[in-house]
Amino acid sequence: MNIHLHRGDLPGDLDLGPVVAVDSETMGLRPRRDRLCLVQLSAGDGDAHLVKFDAGADYAAPNLRRLLTDPAVLKLFHFARFDIAVFRAYLGVDTRPLYCTKIASKLVRTYTDRHGLKDLCRELLGVELSKEKQSSDWGADEIGEAQMAYAANDVLHLHALKAALDPLLAREGRADLAAAAYEFLPARARLDLLGWDDTDIFAH
C-alpha cells in the first residue's frame, strides 16, 4: 500500500482512471456543522491519494472538483449519501456518476442487517479492517501514519467489493433498481443538507 498525501487539491496531472474509489473524513457526522478534513481516492491499484484540507481552507480544489463531476469517471463509495452531501456543502459540487456499496449490499444481502464496510470486506473479500482510528481528530494540522492507513483502507477495497456485489445484483434482478437509487443520491444529499435528513418525504 502506497499513500500519497496532498494539501488542498489533487495534482493536475494525476490520472486515476475510469473508476475511482472515494471517501471522506470530517470533524463529525453533521455536514452542515462538521467541516471536511480529508478526501481519500484510489484507482484500485493499491495506492491511495489523500487530499487534506486545513482549518480555514477555501476548498477551491479545481482538480478534485473536476474529478467528482467528470461524467466519464465512475465514483465508488461506501455510504455515498454522507460523502456527497459533504462534497456539496464544502466543494459545491453534485458528485456523479456514482456507485454505493452500502446500497448494493442492502439490496442483495437481505439475510443480514450488517452492511458496514468492515462487514462487507470480511464476508465478501476475506479482509479484516481495523476501525481503531475511525473516531479521531481529522482536523489536526498533521495526521499520523495510523490515521492515514485507516483512511486509505476505506477506499482500497471498494473496487473489489463492486466486483463481488455486481454479480449478486444481477442474480437477484436488482441492478436496475440499484442504478436508480444511485442516480437519486445527489437529490437525497440536498434534502439532507436542507433539513430533511430524518424525514421520509415518501411516507404518508
N, C-alpha and C. Protein backbone atom coordinates (compact mmCIF):
# COMPACT_ATOMS: atom_id res chain seq x y z
N MET A 1 0.85 -1.20 0.00
CA MET A 1 0.00 0.00 0.00
C MET A 1 0.87 1.24 0.00
N ASN A 2 0.67 2.11 -0.98
CA ASN A 2 1.35 3.39 -1.05
C ASN A 2 0.35 4.50 -0.80
N ILE A 3 0.69 5.41 0.11
CA ILE A 3 -0.20 6.51 0.45
C ILE A 3 0.45 7.83 0.05
N HIS A 4 -0.27 8.63 -0.71
CA HIS A 4 0.24 9.91 -1.18
C HIS A 4 -0.63 11.01 -0.56
N LEU A 5 -0.02 11.90 0.19
CA LEU A 5 -0.75 12.97 0.87
C LEU A 5 -0.59 14.27 0.09
N HIS A 6 -1.70 14.90 -0.25
CA HIS A 6 -1.70 16.17 -0.99
C HIS A 6 -2.43 17.22 -0.16
N ARG A 7 -1.96 18.44 -0.23
CA ARG A 7 -2.58 19.53 0.53
C ARG A 7 -3.47 20.36 -0.39
N GLY A 8 -4.75 20.37 -0.10
CA GLY A 8 -5.65 21.31 -0.76
C GLY A 8 -6.22 20.90 -2.10
N ASP A 9 -5.58 19.96 -2.81
CA ASP A 9 -6.10 19.53 -4.11
C ASP A 9 -5.27 18.36 -4.62
N LEU A 10 -5.80 17.69 -5.64
CA LEU A 10 -5.05 16.65 -6.33
C LEU A 10 -4.07 17.29 -7.30
N PRO A 11 -2.96 16.63 -7.62
CA PRO A 11 -2.07 17.13 -8.67
C PRO A 11 -2.81 17.18 -10.00
N GLY A 12 -2.55 18.18 -10.79
CA GLY A 12 -3.26 18.36 -12.05
C GLY A 12 -3.01 17.27 -13.06
N ASP A 13 -1.87 16.58 -12.97
CA ASP A 13 -1.54 15.56 -13.96
C ASP A 13 -1.87 14.14 -13.48
N LEU A 14 -2.57 14.01 -12.37
CA LEU A 14 -2.89 12.70 -11.83
C LEU A 14 -4.09 12.10 -12.55
N ASP A 15 -3.91 10.92 -13.13
CA ASP A 15 -4.99 10.21 -13.82
C ASP A 15 -5.31 8.95 -13.02
N LEU A 16 -6.51 8.92 -12.44
CA LEU A 16 -6.91 7.78 -11.62
C LEU A 16 -7.79 6.79 -12.38
N GLY A 17 -7.98 7.01 -13.68
CA GLY A 17 -8.71 6.05 -14.48
C GLY A 17 -10.21 6.25 -14.46
N PRO A 18 -10.94 5.31 -15.08
CA PRO A 18 -12.38 5.48 -15.27
C PRO A 18 -13.24 5.13 -14.05
N VAL A 19 -12.64 4.45 -13.06
CA VAL A 19 -13.39 4.08 -11.86
C VAL A 19 -12.54 4.42 -10.65
N VAL A 20 -13.03 5.32 -9.80
CA VAL A 20 -12.25 5.82 -8.66
C VAL A 20 -13.02 5.62 -7.37
N ALA A 21 -12.40 4.99 -6.41
CA ALA A 21 -12.99 4.85 -5.08
C ALA A 21 -12.77 6.15 -4.30
N VAL A 22 -13.82 6.59 -3.60
CA VAL A 22 -13.76 7.89 -2.90
C VAL A 22 -14.36 7.75 -1.51
N ASP A 23 -13.78 8.47 -0.56
CA ASP A 23 -14.33 8.54 0.80
C ASP A 23 -13.93 9.89 1.39
N SER A 24 -14.47 10.21 2.53
CA SER A 24 -14.10 11.47 3.19
C SER A 24 -14.03 11.28 4.69
N GLU A 25 -13.29 12.16 5.33
CA GLU A 25 -13.25 12.24 6.79
C GLU A 25 -13.61 13.67 7.18
N THR A 26 -14.43 13.80 8.21
CA THR A 26 -14.90 15.11 8.66
C THR A 26 -14.71 15.21 10.18
N MET A 27 -15.04 16.38 10.71
CA MET A 27 -14.93 16.58 12.16
C MET A 27 -16.06 15.90 12.92
N GLY A 28 -17.08 15.44 12.22
CA GLY A 28 -18.21 14.78 12.85
C GLY A 28 -19.16 14.29 11.78
N LEU A 29 -20.39 14.00 12.16
CA LEU A 29 -21.34 13.39 11.23
C LEU A 29 -22.46 14.32 10.80
N ARG A 30 -22.29 15.62 11.01
CA ARG A 30 -23.29 16.59 10.58
C ARG A 30 -22.65 17.51 9.55
N PRO A 31 -22.93 17.29 8.26
CA PRO A 31 -22.25 18.05 7.21
C PRO A 31 -22.37 19.55 7.33
N ARG A 32 -23.50 20.04 7.82
CA ARG A 32 -23.67 21.49 7.93
C ARG A 32 -22.87 22.08 9.09
N ARG A 33 -22.44 21.23 10.01
CA ARG A 33 -21.70 21.70 11.18
C ARG A 33 -20.23 21.31 11.13
N ASP A 34 -19.95 20.09 10.67
CA ASP A 34 -18.62 19.48 10.82
C ASP A 34 -17.84 19.53 9.51
N ARG A 35 -16.76 20.27 9.50
CA ARG A 35 -16.04 20.57 8.26
C ARG A 35 -15.36 19.35 7.64
N LEU A 36 -15.22 19.44 6.34
CA LEU A 36 -14.50 18.43 5.57
C LEU A 36 -13.00 18.57 5.83
N CYS A 37 -12.37 17.47 6.22
CA CYS A 37 -10.94 17.49 6.54
C CYS A 37 -10.09 16.72 5.54
N LEU A 38 -10.63 15.62 5.00
CA LEU A 38 -9.81 14.73 4.19
C LEU A 38 -10.69 14.07 3.13
N VAL A 39 -10.16 13.94 1.93
CA VAL A 39 -10.80 13.16 0.87
C VAL A 39 -9.81 12.10 0.43
N GLN A 40 -10.27 10.84 0.41
CA GLN A 40 -9.41 9.74 0.01
C GLN A 40 -9.86 9.21 -1.34
N LEU A 41 -8.89 8.85 -2.19
CA LEU A 41 -9.20 8.32 -3.50
C LEU A 41 -8.25 7.19 -3.86
N SER A 42 -8.75 6.23 -4.63
CA SER A 42 -7.91 5.14 -5.11
C SER A 42 -8.42 4.67 -6.47
N ALA A 43 -7.48 4.33 -7.34
CA ALA A 43 -7.82 3.78 -8.65
C ALA A 43 -7.99 2.27 -8.59
N GLY A 44 -7.85 1.69 -7.39
CA GLY A 44 -7.96 0.25 -7.26
C GLY A 44 -6.65 -0.47 -7.52
N ASP A 45 -5.56 0.29 -7.52
CA ASP A 45 -4.24 -0.26 -7.82
C ASP A 45 -3.37 -0.45 -6.58
N GLY A 46 -3.97 -0.31 -5.39
CA GLY A 46 -3.20 -0.45 -4.16
C GLY A 46 -2.65 0.86 -3.64
N ASP A 47 -2.77 1.93 -4.41
CA ASP A 47 -2.33 3.25 -3.97
C ASP A 47 -3.53 4.07 -3.50
N ALA A 48 -3.30 4.91 -2.51
CA ALA A 48 -4.34 5.81 -2.03
C ALA A 48 -3.81 7.24 -2.07
N HIS A 49 -4.64 8.15 -2.54
CA HIS A 49 -4.31 9.57 -2.58
C HIS A 49 -5.20 10.29 -1.58
N LEU A 50 -4.60 10.97 -0.64
CA LEU A 50 -5.34 11.68 0.40
C LEU A 50 -5.20 13.18 0.18
N VAL A 51 -6.32 13.87 0.08
CA VAL A 51 -6.31 15.32 -0.06
C VAL A 51 -6.71 15.92 1.29
N LYS A 52 -5.78 16.63 1.92
CA LYS A 52 -6.03 17.19 3.25
C LYS A 52 -6.39 18.66 3.15
N PHE A 53 -7.49 19.03 3.84
CA PHE A 53 -7.91 20.43 3.91
C PHE A 53 -7.67 20.93 5.33
N ASP A 54 -6.84 21.95 5.45
CA ASP A 54 -6.53 22.52 6.75
C ASP A 54 -7.65 23.46 7.20
N ALA A 55 -7.65 23.78 8.48
CA ALA A 55 -8.63 24.73 9.01
C ALA A 55 -8.53 26.04 8.25
N GLY A 56 -9.68 26.59 7.89
CA GLY A 56 -9.69 27.84 7.13
C GLY A 56 -9.52 27.66 5.63
N ALA A 57 -9.53 26.43 5.16
CA ALA A 57 -9.35 26.17 3.73
C ALA A 57 -10.47 26.80 2.91
N ASP A 58 -10.15 27.20 1.66
CA ASP A 58 -11.19 27.77 0.80
C ASP A 58 -11.87 26.70 -0.05
N TYR A 59 -11.36 25.48 0.00
CA TYR A 59 -11.94 24.35 -0.73
C TYR A 59 -12.05 24.61 -2.24
N ALA A 60 -11.12 25.39 -2.78
CA ALA A 60 -11.15 25.65 -4.22
C ALA A 60 -10.97 24.35 -5.01
N ALA A 61 -9.90 23.63 -4.76
CA ALA A 61 -9.63 22.27 -5.26
C ALA A 61 -10.19 22.01 -6.66
N PRO A 62 -9.75 22.73 -7.68
CA PRO A 62 -10.34 22.56 -9.01
C PRO A 62 -10.15 21.16 -9.60
N ASN A 63 -9.02 20.53 -9.32
CA ASN A 63 -8.78 19.20 -9.88
C ASN A 63 -9.68 18.15 -9.23
N LEU A 64 -9.84 18.26 -7.92
CA LEU A 64 -10.73 17.34 -7.22
C LEU A 64 -12.17 17.56 -7.66
N ARG A 65 -12.59 18.80 -7.76
CA ARG A 65 -13.95 19.09 -8.21
C ARG A 65 -14.21 18.53 -9.61
N ARG A 66 -13.22 18.68 -10.48
CA ARG A 66 -13.36 18.19 -11.86
C ARG A 66 -13.55 16.68 -11.86
N LEU A 67 -12.78 16.00 -11.04
CA LEU A 67 -12.88 14.54 -10.98
C LEU A 67 -14.26 14.10 -10.46
N LEU A 68 -14.74 14.76 -9.41
CA LEU A 68 -16.00 14.37 -8.80
C LEU A 68 -17.20 14.58 -9.72
N THR A 69 -17.06 15.47 -10.68
CA THR A 69 -18.17 15.77 -11.59
C THR A 69 -17.94 15.24 -13.00
N ASP A 70 -16.82 14.58 -13.23
CA ASP A 70 -16.50 14.07 -14.57
C ASP A 70 -17.48 12.96 -14.95
N PRO A 71 -18.27 13.14 -16.02
CA PRO A 71 -19.25 12.11 -16.40
C PRO A 71 -18.62 10.82 -16.90
N ALA A 72 -17.32 10.86 -17.21
CA ALA A 72 -16.64 9.68 -17.72
C ALA A 72 -15.98 8.86 -16.60
N VAL A 73 -16.05 9.35 -15.38
CA VAL A 73 -15.42 8.66 -14.25
C VAL A 73 -16.48 8.23 -13.25
N LEU A 74 -16.57 6.93 -13.01
CA LEU A 74 -17.49 6.39 -12.01
C LEU A 74 -16.84 6.50 -10.63
N LYS A 75 -17.55 7.10 -9.69
CA LYS A 75 -17.05 7.24 -8.33
C LYS A 75 -17.67 6.17 -7.43
N LEU A 76 -16.82 5.38 -6.77
CA LEU A 76 -17.27 4.32 -5.88
C LEU A 76 -17.23 4.81 -4.44
N PHE A 77 -18.32 4.57 -3.70
CA PHE A 77 -18.41 4.96 -2.30
C PHE A 77 -18.93 3.80 -1.47
N HIS A 78 -18.71 3.91 -0.16
CA HIS A 78 -19.47 3.12 0.79
C HIS A 78 -20.22 4.13 1.65
N PHE A 79 -21.54 4.12 1.57
CA PHE A 79 -22.43 5.13 2.15
C PHE A 79 -22.20 6.48 1.49
N ALA A 80 -22.47 6.50 0.18
CA ALA A 80 -22.28 7.71 -0.62
C ALA A 80 -23.10 8.88 -0.13
N ARG A 81 -24.27 8.59 0.44
CA ARG A 81 -25.18 9.66 0.87
C ARG A 81 -24.47 10.70 1.73
N PHE A 82 -23.65 10.26 2.66
CA PHE A 82 -22.96 11.20 3.55
C PHE A 82 -21.87 11.95 2.80
N ASP A 83 -21.02 11.22 2.09
CA ASP A 83 -19.87 11.84 1.44
C ASP A 83 -20.28 12.89 0.42
N ILE A 84 -21.29 12.58 -0.40
CA ILE A 84 -21.64 13.54 -1.45
C ILE A 84 -22.38 14.75 -0.87
N ALA A 85 -23.02 14.58 0.28
CA ALA A 85 -23.60 15.74 0.97
C ALA A 85 -22.48 16.66 1.46
N VAL A 86 -21.44 16.07 2.00
CA VAL A 86 -20.28 16.85 2.46
C VAL A 86 -19.63 17.57 1.28
N PHE A 87 -19.49 16.86 0.15
CA PHE A 87 -18.85 17.48 -1.02
C PHE A 87 -19.71 18.64 -1.56
N ARG A 88 -21.01 18.48 -1.51
CA ARG A 88 -21.88 19.58 -1.95
C ARG A 88 -21.75 20.77 -1.01
N ALA A 89 -21.70 20.50 0.30
CA ALA A 89 -21.62 21.58 1.28
C ALA A 89 -20.31 22.35 1.21
N TYR A 90 -19.19 21.63 0.97
CA TYR A 90 -17.88 22.29 1.05
C TYR A 90 -17.22 22.52 -0.30
N LEU A 91 -17.46 21.64 -1.26
CA LEU A 91 -16.84 21.80 -2.57
C LEU A 91 -17.81 22.37 -3.61
N GLY A 92 -19.11 22.41 -3.25
CA GLY A 92 -20.10 23.00 -4.14
C GLY A 92 -20.39 22.19 -5.38
N VAL A 93 -20.25 20.85 -5.29
CA VAL A 93 -20.48 20.01 -6.47
C VAL A 93 -21.48 18.90 -6.16
N ASP A 94 -22.20 18.49 -7.19
CA ASP A 94 -23.00 17.27 -7.14
C ASP A 94 -22.17 16.16 -7.75
N THR A 95 -21.85 15.18 -6.95
CA THR A 95 -20.98 14.09 -7.40
C THR A 95 -21.79 13.08 -8.20
N ARG A 96 -21.35 12.81 -9.41
CA ARG A 96 -21.97 11.80 -10.27
C ARG A 96 -21.06 11.53 -11.46
N PRO A 97 -21.19 10.38 -12.11
CA PRO A 97 -21.98 9.22 -11.70
C PRO A 97 -21.34 8.51 -10.52
N LEU A 98 -22.13 7.73 -9.80
CA LEU A 98 -21.59 7.09 -8.61
C LEU A 98 -22.18 5.70 -8.40
N TYR A 99 -21.56 4.99 -7.47
CA TYR A 99 -21.94 3.63 -7.09
C TYR A 99 -21.74 3.54 -5.60
N CYS A 100 -22.70 2.97 -4.89
CA CYS A 100 -22.60 2.87 -3.43
C CYS A 100 -22.65 1.40 -3.00
N THR A 101 -21.57 0.92 -2.41
CA THR A 101 -21.52 -0.48 -1.99
C THR A 101 -22.49 -0.76 -0.85
N LYS A 102 -22.82 0.24 -0.05
CA LYS A 102 -23.76 0.01 1.05
C LYS A 102 -25.17 -0.22 0.51
N ILE A 103 -25.58 0.58 -0.47
CA ILE A 103 -26.88 0.39 -1.09
C ILE A 103 -26.93 -0.96 -1.80
N ALA A 104 -25.88 -1.29 -2.55
CA ALA A 104 -25.83 -2.58 -3.24
C ALA A 104 -25.96 -3.72 -2.24
N SER A 105 -25.27 -3.61 -1.12
CA SER A 105 -25.32 -4.65 -0.09
C SER A 105 -26.73 -4.80 0.47
N LYS A 106 -27.39 -3.68 0.74
CA LYS A 106 -28.74 -3.73 1.32
C LYS A 106 -29.74 -4.34 0.34
N LEU A 107 -29.48 -4.20 -0.95
CA LEU A 107 -30.39 -4.75 -1.95
C LEU A 107 -30.21 -6.25 -2.15
N VAL A 108 -29.01 -6.77 -1.86
CA VAL A 108 -28.78 -8.20 -2.14
C VAL A 108 -28.47 -9.04 -0.90
N ARG A 109 -27.94 -8.45 0.15
CA ARG A 109 -27.62 -9.20 1.36
C ARG A 109 -28.76 -9.02 2.37
N THR A 110 -29.97 -9.40 1.95
CA THR A 110 -31.16 -9.21 2.78
C THR A 110 -31.25 -10.21 3.92
N TYR A 111 -30.29 -11.11 3.99
CA TYR A 111 -30.25 -12.10 5.07
C TYR A 111 -29.55 -11.55 6.32
N THR A 112 -29.08 -10.29 6.26
CA THR A 112 -28.38 -9.70 7.39
C THR A 112 -28.68 -8.22 7.47
N ASP A 113 -28.47 -7.64 8.64
CA ASP A 113 -28.58 -6.19 8.80
C ASP A 113 -27.20 -5.56 8.98
N ARG A 114 -26.16 -6.32 8.68
CA ARG A 114 -24.79 -5.84 8.85
C ARG A 114 -24.23 -5.44 7.48
N HIS A 115 -24.25 -4.13 7.23
CA HIS A 115 -23.84 -3.63 5.92
C HIS A 115 -22.68 -2.63 6.01
N GLY A 116 -21.97 -2.64 7.14
CA GLY A 116 -20.81 -1.77 7.27
C GLY A 116 -19.67 -2.22 6.38
N LEU A 117 -18.74 -1.31 6.12
CA LEU A 117 -17.60 -1.64 5.26
C LEU A 117 -16.80 -2.80 5.83
N LYS A 118 -16.61 -2.81 7.15
CA LYS A 118 -15.87 -3.89 7.79
C LYS A 118 -16.56 -5.24 7.57
N ASP A 119 -17.90 -5.26 7.69
CA ASP A 119 -18.66 -6.49 7.49
C ASP A 119 -18.57 -6.98 6.05
N LEU A 120 -18.68 -6.06 5.10
CA LEU A 120 -18.60 -6.44 3.69
C LEU A 120 -17.23 -6.99 3.34
N CYS A 121 -16.18 -6.32 3.80
CA CYS A 121 -14.83 -6.78 3.50
C CYS A 121 -14.57 -8.16 4.09
N ARG A 122 -15.08 -8.40 5.28
CA ARG A 122 -14.88 -9.70 5.92
C ARG A 122 -15.60 -10.80 5.14
N GLU A 123 -16.89 -10.58 4.83
CA GLU A 123 -17.67 -11.65 4.20
C GLU A 123 -17.34 -11.85 2.73
N LEU A 124 -17.23 -10.77 1.98
CA LEU A 124 -17.08 -10.89 0.53
C LEU A 124 -15.63 -11.00 0.07
N LEU A 125 -14.69 -10.45 0.86
CA LEU A 125 -13.30 -10.43 0.43
C LEU A 125 -12.36 -11.20 1.34
N GLY A 126 -12.84 -11.58 2.53
CA GLY A 126 -11.96 -12.24 3.49
C GLY A 126 -10.90 -11.31 4.04
N VAL A 127 -11.22 -10.01 4.10
CA VAL A 127 -10.28 -8.99 4.57
C VAL A 127 -10.79 -8.42 5.89
N GLU A 128 -9.91 -8.35 6.89
CA GLU A 128 -10.26 -7.77 8.18
C GLU A 128 -9.77 -6.32 8.25
N LEU A 129 -10.68 -5.40 8.42
CA LEU A 129 -10.32 -3.99 8.55
C LEU A 129 -10.32 -3.56 10.00
N SER A 130 -9.36 -2.71 10.36
CA SER A 130 -9.33 -2.12 11.69
C SER A 130 -10.07 -0.79 11.65
N LYS A 131 -10.96 -0.57 12.62
CA LYS A 131 -11.69 0.69 12.72
C LYS A 131 -11.21 1.51 13.93
N GLU A 132 -9.99 1.22 14.38
CA GLU A 132 -9.47 1.85 15.59
C GLU A 132 -9.42 3.37 15.48
N LYS A 133 -9.09 3.87 14.29
CA LYS A 133 -8.91 5.32 14.12
C LYS A 133 -10.14 6.01 13.54
N GLN A 134 -11.28 5.32 13.55
CA GLN A 134 -12.49 5.89 12.98
C GLN A 134 -12.86 7.20 13.66
N SER A 135 -12.82 7.21 14.99
CA SER A 135 -13.11 8.42 15.75
C SER A 135 -11.79 9.03 16.21
N SER A 136 -11.27 9.93 15.41
CA SER A 136 -10.05 10.62 15.78
C SER A 136 -10.09 12.03 15.20
N ASP A 137 -9.14 12.85 15.56
CA ASP A 137 -9.16 14.26 15.17
C ASP A 137 -8.62 14.42 13.76
N TRP A 138 -9.52 14.42 12.78
CA TRP A 138 -9.11 14.57 11.39
C TRP A 138 -8.78 16.02 11.05
N GLY A 139 -9.09 16.94 11.94
CA GLY A 139 -8.79 18.34 11.69
C GLY A 139 -7.44 18.79 12.19
N ALA A 140 -6.66 17.87 12.75
CA ALA A 140 -5.33 18.23 13.25
C ALA A 140 -4.44 18.74 12.12
N ASP A 141 -3.48 19.59 12.47
CA ASP A 141 -2.57 20.13 11.44
C ASP A 141 -1.82 19.02 10.73
N GLU A 142 -1.44 18.00 11.47
CA GLU A 142 -0.77 16.84 10.89
C GLU A 142 -1.51 15.58 11.33
N ILE A 143 -1.75 14.68 10.40
CA ILE A 143 -2.38 13.41 10.75
C ILE A 143 -1.33 12.32 10.75
N GLY A 144 -1.48 11.37 11.68
CA GLY A 144 -0.47 10.35 11.87
C GLY A 144 -0.55 9.22 10.85
N GLU A 145 0.47 8.37 10.87
CA GLU A 145 0.54 7.26 9.92
C GLU A 145 -0.62 6.29 10.11
N ALA A 146 -1.00 6.06 11.37
CA ALA A 146 -2.11 5.14 11.63
C ALA A 146 -3.42 5.71 11.08
N GLN A 147 -3.60 7.02 11.22
CA GLN A 147 -4.79 7.66 10.65
C GLN A 147 -4.79 7.55 9.13
N MET A 148 -3.64 7.80 8.52
CA MET A 148 -3.57 7.72 7.06
C MET A 148 -3.83 6.30 6.57
N ALA A 149 -3.32 5.31 7.28
CA ALA A 149 -3.56 3.91 6.89
C ALA A 149 -5.04 3.57 7.02
N TYR A 150 -5.69 4.05 8.08
CA TYR A 150 -7.12 3.83 8.24
C TYR A 150 -7.89 4.47 7.10
N ALA A 151 -7.57 5.73 6.80
CA ALA A 151 -8.26 6.45 5.74
C ALA A 151 -8.06 5.76 4.40
N ALA A 152 -6.86 5.28 4.14
CA ALA A 152 -6.59 4.59 2.87
C ALA A 152 -7.40 3.32 2.74
N ASN A 153 -7.53 2.57 3.83
CA ASN A 153 -8.27 1.31 3.78
C ASN A 153 -9.75 1.51 3.46
N ASP A 154 -10.26 2.71 3.69
CA ASP A 154 -11.66 2.98 3.37
C ASP A 154 -11.92 3.03 1.86
N VAL A 155 -10.86 3.16 1.06
CA VAL A 155 -11.04 3.19 -0.40
C VAL A 155 -10.33 2.05 -1.13
N LEU A 156 -9.38 1.41 -0.50
CA LEU A 156 -8.55 0.42 -1.21
C LEU A 156 -9.32 -0.84 -1.60
N HIS A 157 -10.44 -1.12 -0.97
CA HIS A 157 -11.16 -2.37 -1.23
C HIS A 157 -12.47 -2.18 -1.98
N LEU A 158 -12.81 -0.95 -2.32
CA LEU A 158 -14.12 -0.70 -2.93
C LEU A 158 -14.25 -1.28 -4.33
N HIS A 159 -13.17 -1.28 -5.10
CA HIS A 159 -13.23 -1.89 -6.44
C HIS A 159 -13.53 -3.39 -6.33
N ALA A 160 -12.89 -4.05 -5.40
CA ALA A 160 -13.11 -5.50 -5.22
C ALA A 160 -14.52 -5.76 -4.71
N LEU A 161 -15.03 -4.88 -3.86
CA LEU A 161 -16.40 -5.05 -3.37
C LEU A 161 -17.41 -4.88 -4.50
N LYS A 162 -17.19 -3.90 -5.36
CA LYS A 162 -18.08 -3.73 -6.50
C LYS A 162 -18.08 -4.99 -7.37
N ALA A 163 -16.88 -5.55 -7.59
CA ALA A 163 -16.77 -6.75 -8.41
C ALA A 163 -17.51 -7.93 -7.77
N ALA A 164 -17.58 -7.96 -6.44
CA ALA A 164 -18.29 -9.03 -5.75
C ALA A 164 -19.79 -8.78 -5.69
N LEU A 165 -20.20 -7.53 -5.61
CA LEU A 165 -21.61 -7.19 -5.48
C LEU A 165 -22.36 -7.18 -6.81
N ASP A 166 -21.69 -6.81 -7.88
CA ASP A 166 -22.36 -6.73 -9.18
C ASP A 166 -23.01 -8.05 -9.60
N PRO A 167 -22.32 -9.20 -9.47
CA PRO A 167 -22.98 -10.46 -9.83
C PRO A 167 -24.19 -10.77 -8.94
N LEU A 168 -24.14 -10.34 -7.69
CA LEU A 168 -25.28 -10.57 -6.80
C LEU A 168 -26.47 -9.70 -7.20
N LEU A 169 -26.20 -8.47 -7.59
CA LEU A 169 -27.28 -7.60 -8.07
C LEU A 169 -27.91 -8.18 -9.32
N ALA A 170 -27.07 -8.72 -10.22
CA ALA A 170 -27.59 -9.33 -11.45
C ALA A 170 -28.39 -10.59 -11.12
N ARG A 171 -27.88 -11.40 -10.21
CA ARG A 171 -28.55 -12.66 -9.85
C ARG A 171 -29.93 -12.40 -9.26
N GLU A 172 -30.04 -11.36 -8.44
CA GLU A 172 -31.31 -11.05 -7.78
C GLU A 172 -32.20 -10.14 -8.61
N GLY A 173 -31.74 -9.76 -9.80
CA GLY A 173 -32.55 -8.91 -10.67
C GLY A 173 -32.73 -7.50 -10.14
N ARG A 174 -31.73 -6.97 -9.45
CA ARG A 174 -31.88 -5.65 -8.81
C ARG A 174 -30.83 -4.64 -9.26
N ALA A 175 -30.12 -4.94 -10.35
CA ALA A 175 -29.11 -4.00 -10.84
C ALA A 175 -29.75 -2.69 -11.28
N ASP A 176 -30.89 -2.75 -11.97
CA ASP A 176 -31.57 -1.53 -12.41
C ASP A 176 -32.07 -0.71 -11.23
N LEU A 177 -32.55 -1.40 -10.20
CA LEU A 177 -33.02 -0.70 -9.00
C LEU A 177 -31.85 0.00 -8.30
N ALA A 178 -30.71 -0.67 -8.24
CA ALA A 178 -29.53 -0.06 -7.64
C ALA A 178 -29.10 1.17 -8.42
N ALA A 179 -29.09 1.08 -9.74
CA ALA A 179 -28.70 2.21 -10.57
C ALA A 179 -29.63 3.40 -10.35
N ALA A 180 -30.92 3.13 -10.22
CA ALA A 180 -31.88 4.21 -9.97
C ALA A 180 -31.64 4.85 -8.60
N ALA A 181 -31.30 4.04 -7.62
CA ALA A 181 -31.01 4.57 -6.28
C ALA A 181 -29.76 5.45 -6.31
N TYR A 182 -28.73 5.01 -7.03
CA TYR A 182 -27.51 5.83 -7.13
C TYR A 182 -27.81 7.16 -7.80
N GLU A 183 -28.64 7.14 -8.83
CA GLU A 183 -28.97 8.35 -9.58
C GLU A 183 -29.70 9.35 -8.68
N PHE A 184 -30.47 8.84 -7.72
CA PHE A 184 -31.24 9.72 -6.83
C PHE A 184 -30.39 10.31 -5.71
N LEU A 185 -29.24 9.73 -5.43
CA LEU A 185 -28.47 10.12 -4.25
C LEU A 185 -28.10 11.61 -4.19
N PRO A 186 -27.71 12.28 -5.28
CA PRO A 186 -27.44 13.73 -5.15
C PRO A 186 -28.65 14.52 -4.65
N ALA A 187 -29.86 14.13 -5.08
CA ALA A 187 -31.06 14.79 -4.57
C ALA A 187 -31.27 14.45 -3.10
N ARG A 188 -31.01 13.21 -2.73
CA ARG A 188 -31.12 12.80 -1.32
C ARG A 188 -30.15 13.61 -0.46
N ALA A 189 -28.95 13.85 -0.95
CA ALA A 189 -27.96 14.63 -0.21
C ALA A 189 -28.42 16.07 -0.05
N ARG A 190 -29.04 16.63 -1.09
CA ARG A 190 -29.56 18.00 -0.99
C ARG A 190 -30.67 18.07 0.06
N LEU A 191 -31.53 17.07 0.09
CA LEU A 191 -32.58 17.03 1.11
C LEU A 191 -31.97 16.98 2.51
N ASP A 192 -30.93 16.18 2.67
CA ASP A 192 -30.25 16.09 3.97
C ASP A 192 -29.74 17.46 4.40
N LEU A 193 -29.09 18.16 3.48
CA LEU A 193 -28.49 19.45 3.81
C LEU A 193 -29.55 20.51 4.11
N LEU A 194 -30.75 20.34 3.55
CA LEU A 194 -31.82 21.31 3.76
C LEU A 194 -32.68 21.00 4.99
N GLY A 195 -32.32 19.91 5.70
CA GLY A 195 -33.01 19.62 6.96
C GLY A 195 -33.97 18.46 6.93
N TRP A 196 -34.09 17.75 5.80
CA TRP A 196 -34.98 16.60 5.72
C TRP A 196 -34.22 15.28 5.92
N ASP A 197 -33.13 15.33 6.67
CA ASP A 197 -32.30 14.14 6.85
C ASP A 197 -33.01 13.05 7.66
N ASP A 198 -33.91 13.41 8.57
CA ASP A 198 -34.61 12.42 9.39
C ASP A 198 -36.07 12.24 8.97
N THR A 199 -36.43 12.80 7.82
CA THR A 199 -37.82 12.73 7.37
C THR A 199 -37.92 11.93 6.08
N ASP A 200 -38.83 10.98 6.03
CA ASP A 200 -39.11 10.23 4.82
C ASP A 200 -40.19 10.98 4.05
N ILE A 201 -39.80 11.72 3.02
CA ILE A 201 -40.78 12.53 2.29
C ILE A 201 -41.72 11.66 1.46
N PHE A 202 -41.43 10.36 1.32
CA PHE A 202 -42.30 9.46 0.59
C PHE A 202 -43.35 8.83 1.50
N ALA A 203 -43.21 9.02 2.78
CA ALA A 203 -44.19 8.44 3.72
C ALA A 203 -45.52 9.18 3.60
N HIS A 204 -46.59 8.56 4.09
CA HIS A 204 -47.93 9.16 4.03
C HIS A 204 -47.96 10.47 4.80
